[in-house]
């Protein structure tokens, strides 16, 4: 599964998911900014005045703040595991991560191990920093093509809906025209039968 990705709107997330499906590129999770609470994220009082992980994250654009908060919430940052244990299991349970990368969850589970701490996948770099200009241009072109195709599909759908509505309005009139035509046809048949009968009598 691919990393979590941030998009502006739900529609963009749907287009990205459809693109991944068509290209068989795997799965990904998307966070739509327009569905996140649009309100300031207030500072909080923390045990031993340790920093909150969210407050240490500095996105290049503030609009991405709610997406980062959705990922880390009120996770605290401790200097070491001893401090993490003290603040994690106080009167209130906290999710705590140490500078070495060890994690204590509110459920009480603890994770960590040897090796160097790995940098998180939640980079503050924007797409323009990690995607080549050629790739970015190609993605933009594909996005424009998809938007054009979507607009054309909407126009076609609107035209068909108008046509359908017109046929629905005409339906009573068409029924009446069919009934009149049927009556005229019956009258014509009777006249033909009368003419044939007269012909036989004359002969």
Protein backbone atom coordinates (compact mmCIF):
# COMPACT_ATOMS: atom_id res chain seq x y z
CA UNK A 1 0.00 0.00 0.00
CA UNK A 2 1.25 3.48 -0.84
CA UNK A 3 1.75 6.27 1.69
CA UNK A 4 -0.99 8.56 2.91
CA UNK A 5 -1.52 11.45 0.53
CA UNK A 6 -3.10 14.87 0.98
CA UNK A 7 -5.50 16.31 -1.58
CA UNK A 8 -7.63 19.41 -1.59
CA UNK A 9 -11.05 17.90 -2.25
CA UNK A 10 -12.87 14.56 -2.09
CA UNK A 11 -13.33 14.66 -5.87
CA UNK A 12 -9.56 14.78 -6.34
CA UNK A 13 -9.15 11.77 -4.05
CA UNK A 14 -11.71 9.87 -6.12
CA UNK A 15 -9.87 10.74 -9.35
CA UNK A 16 -6.55 9.61 -7.85
CA UNK A 17 -8.04 6.31 -6.66
CA UNK A 18 -9.52 5.73 -10.11
CA UNK A 19 -6.12 6.47 -11.70
CA UNK A 20 -4.37 4.00 -9.37
CA UNK A 21 -6.98 1.37 -10.22
CA UNK A 22 -6.66 1.88 -13.99
CA UNK A 23 -2.85 1.81 -13.88
CA UNK A 24 -2.75 -1.08 -11.37
CA UNK A 25 -0.44 0.93 -9.09
CA UNK A 26 -1.69 -0.43 -5.78
CA UNK A 27 -3.69 1.23 -3.06
CA UNK A 28 -3.28 4.52 -1.20
CA UNK A 29 -5.01 6.47 1.54
CA UNK A 30 -6.04 10.05 0.85
CA UNK A 31 -6.81 12.87 3.27
CA UNK A 32 -9.13 15.51 1.79
CA UNK A 33 -8.47 18.93 3.30
CA UNK A 34 -12.03 20.13 2.64
CA UNK A 35 -13.37 17.40 4.98
CA UNK A 36 -11.12 18.27 7.93
CA UNK A 37 -12.24 20.69 10.69
CA UNK A 38 -11.40 24.24 9.65
CA UNK A 39 -10.56 25.66 13.05
CA UNK A 40 -7.34 26.62 14.88
CA UNK A 41 -5.58 23.79 16.71
CA UNK A 42 -5.09 25.16 20.21
CA UNK A 43 -1.97 24.55 22.33
CA UNK A 44 -2.36 22.09 25.20
CA UNK A 45 -0.82 21.67 28.66
CA UNK A 46 1.50 18.66 28.68
CA UNK A 47 3.08 16.71 31.55
CA UNK A 48 6.60 17.90 32.36
CA UNK A 49 6.05 20.50 29.63
CA UNK A 50 7.28 18.11 26.95
CA UNK A 51 6.58 19.24 23.38
CA UNK A 52 3.71 17.95 21.33
CA UNK A 53 4.84 16.28 18.09
CA UNK A 54 2.35 18.31 16.07
CA UNK A 55 3.87 21.57 17.32
CA UNK A 56 7.28 20.45 16.04
CA UNK A 57 5.98 19.88 12.51
CA UNK A 58 6.38 22.91 10.27
CA UNK A 59 4.57 22.38 6.95
CA UNK A 60 5.49 24.79 4.16
CA UNK A 61 1.84 25.79 3.84
CA UNK A 62 -0.33 26.21 6.99
CA UNK A 63 -3.33 24.76 5.18
CA UNK A 64 -1.74 21.31 5.58
CA UNK A 65 -1.73 21.64 9.38
CA UNK A 66 -5.09 19.86 9.94
CA UNK A 67 -3.89 16.89 7.87
CA UNK A 68 -0.76 16.52 10.02
CA UNK A 69 -2.82 16.84 13.18
CA UNK A 70 -5.15 14.10 11.95
CA UNK A 71 -2.09 11.84 11.66
CA UNK A 72 -0.32 12.55 14.95
CA UNK A 73 -3.04 14.07 17.16
CA UNK A 74 -1.67 14.95 20.64
CA UNK A 75 1.33 12.63 20.56
CA UNK A 76 4.00 13.86 22.97
CA UNK A 77 7.78 13.76 22.49
CA UNK A 78 9.95 12.49 25.37
CA UNK A 79 13.73 12.61 25.70
CA UNK A 80 14.05 8.93 26.56
CA UNK A 81 12.05 5.85 27.52
CA UNK A 82 12.13 6.62 31.25
CA UNK A 83 10.49 9.98 30.71
CA UNK A 84 8.09 8.45 28.21
CA UNK A 85 6.93 5.91 30.81
CA UNK A 86 6.40 8.63 33.41
CA UNK A 87 4.22 10.85 31.26
CA UNK A 88 2.42 8.09 29.34
CA UNK A 89 0.85 6.45 32.41
CA UNK A 90 -0.12 9.43 34.55
CA UNK A 91 -3.62 10.51 35.55
CA UNK A 92 -4.28 10.76 31.83
CA UNK A 93 -3.00 8.33 29.24
CA UNK A 94 -0.86 9.87 26.48
CA UNK A 95 0.63 8.60 23.26
CA UNK A 96 4.36 9.25 23.56
CA UNK A 97 7.29 8.90 21.19
CA UNK A 98 10.93 9.19 22.24
CA UNK A 99 13.77 10.87 20.38
CA UNK A 100 15.09 7.36 19.66
CA UNK A 101 11.85 6.41 17.92
CA UNK A 102 10.31 4.26 20.67
CA UNK A 103 6.54 4.58 20.90
CA UNK A 104 4.09 4.07 23.77
CA UNK A 105 0.46 4.02 22.68
CA UNK A 106 -2.54 4.96 24.84
CA UNK A 107 -3.52 1.29 24.82
CA UNK A 108 -0.29 0.49 26.65
CA UNK A 109 1.47 -1.18 23.73
CA UNK A 110 5.13 -0.27 23.28
CA UNK A 111 7.18 -0.50 20.10
CA UNK A 112 10.81 0.15 19.32
CA UNK A 113 14.08 -1.59 18.67
CA UNK A 114 17.64 -1.23 17.52
CA UNK A 115 19.04 0.65 14.61
CA UNK A 116 18.81 4.28 13.70
CA UNK A 117 15.44 6.00 13.94
CA UNK A 118 13.83 6.19 10.55
CA UNK A 119 12.52 9.48 9.29
CA UNK A 120 8.75 9.52 9.07
CA UNK A 121 6.87 9.14 5.84
CA UNK A 122 5.04 12.35 6.63
CA UNK A 123 7.52 14.65 4.93
CA UNK A 124 7.04 18.39 4.86
CA UNK A 125 8.26 18.43 1.27
CA UNK A 126 5.69 19.37 -1.33
CA UNK A 127 5.27 17.44 -4.55
CA UNK A 128 7.22 20.05 -6.50
CA UNK A 129 10.30 19.26 -4.32
CA UNK A 130 10.37 15.50 -4.97
CA UNK A 131 8.80 15.16 -8.44
CA UNK A 132 10.74 16.10 -11.56
CA UNK A 133 9.35 18.95 -13.71
CA UNK A 134 8.70 16.48 -16.54
CA UNK A 135 6.66 14.17 -14.29
CA UNK A 136 4.81 17.10 -12.80
CA UNK A 137 3.96 18.40 -16.28
CA UNK A 138 2.77 14.94 -17.30
CA UNK A 139 0.56 14.66 -14.20
CA UNK A 140 -0.86 18.14 -14.84
CA UNK A 141 -1.64 17.20 -18.46
CA UNK A 142 -3.35 14.00 -17.35
CA UNK A 143 -5.31 15.94 -14.75
CA UNK A 144 -6.42 18.49 -17.37
CA UNK A 145 -7.43 15.70 -19.77
CA UNK A 146 -9.42 13.98 -17.02
CA UNK A 147 -11.11 17.27 -16.10
CA UNK A 148 -12.00 17.90 -19.77
CA UNK A 149 -13.40 14.38 -20.17
CA UNK A 150 -15.41 14.79 -16.97
CA UNK A 151 -16.83 18.13 -18.15
CA UNK A 152 -17.80 16.62 -21.52
CA UNK A 153 -19.46 13.70 -19.77
CA UNK A 154 -21.45 16.12 -17.60
CA UNK A 155 -22.56 18.05 -20.72
CA UNK A 156 -23.59 14.83 -22.47
CA UNK A 157 -25.49 13.68 -19.40
CA UNK A 158 -27.30 17.03 -19.16
CA UNK A 159 -28.22 16.83 -22.85
CA UNK A 160 -29.59 13.30 -22.47
CA UNK A 161 -31.55 14.31 -19.37
CA UNK A 162 -33.10 17.23 -21.28
CA UNK A 163 -33.98 14.91 -24.16
CA UNK A 164 -35.52 12.39 -21.79
CA UNK A 165 -37.56 15.10 -20.08
CA UNK A 166 -38.77 16.33 -23.47
CA UNK A 167 -39.91 12.82 -24.42
CA UNK A 168 -41.71 12.50 -21.08
CA UNK A 169 -43.56 15.77 -21.74
CA UNK A 170 -44.48 14.60 -25.23
CA UNK A 171 -45.68 11.18 -24.09
CA UNK A 172 -49.37 12.17 -23.56
CA UNK A 173 -49.45 13.90 -26.95
CA UNK A 174 -47.82 10.91 -28.64
CA UNK A 175 -50.40 8.59 -27.10
CA UNK A 176 -53.18 10.78 -28.46
CA UNK A 177 -51.60 10.92 -31.93
CA UNK A 178 -51.27 7.14 -31.96
CA UNK A 179 -54.94 6.78 -30.99
CA UNK A 180 -56.02 9.18 -33.75
CA UNK A 181 -53.87 7.35 -36.29
CA UNK A 182 -55.39 4.04 -35.21
CA UNK A 183 -58.92 5.46 -35.62
CA UNK A 184 -58.06 6.81 -39.09
CA UNK A 185 -56.58 3.45 -40.06
CA UNK A 186 -59.72 1.64 -38.92
CA UNK A 187 -61.89 4.05 -40.91
CA UNK A 188 -59.73 3.52 -43.99
CA UNK A 189 -59.98 -0.24 -43.60
CA UNK A 190 -63.79 -0.03 -43.43
CA UNK A 191 -63.86 2.10 -46.57
CA UNK A 192 -61.67 -0.40 -48.38
CA UNK A 193 -63.93 -3.24 -47.27
CA UNK A 194 -67.01 -1.28 -48.45
CA UNK A 195 -65.36 -0.56 -51.80
CA UNK A 196 -64.39 -4.22 -52.26
CA UNK A 197 -67.98 -5.25 -51.40
CA UNK A 198 -69.41 -2.84 -53.99
CA UNK A 199 -66.96 -4.13 -56.60
CA UNK A 200 -68.10 -7.69 -55.98
CA UNK A 201 -71.74 -6.61 -56.30
CA UNK A 202 -71.05 -4.82 -59.57
CA UNK A 203 -69.33 -7.86 -61.00
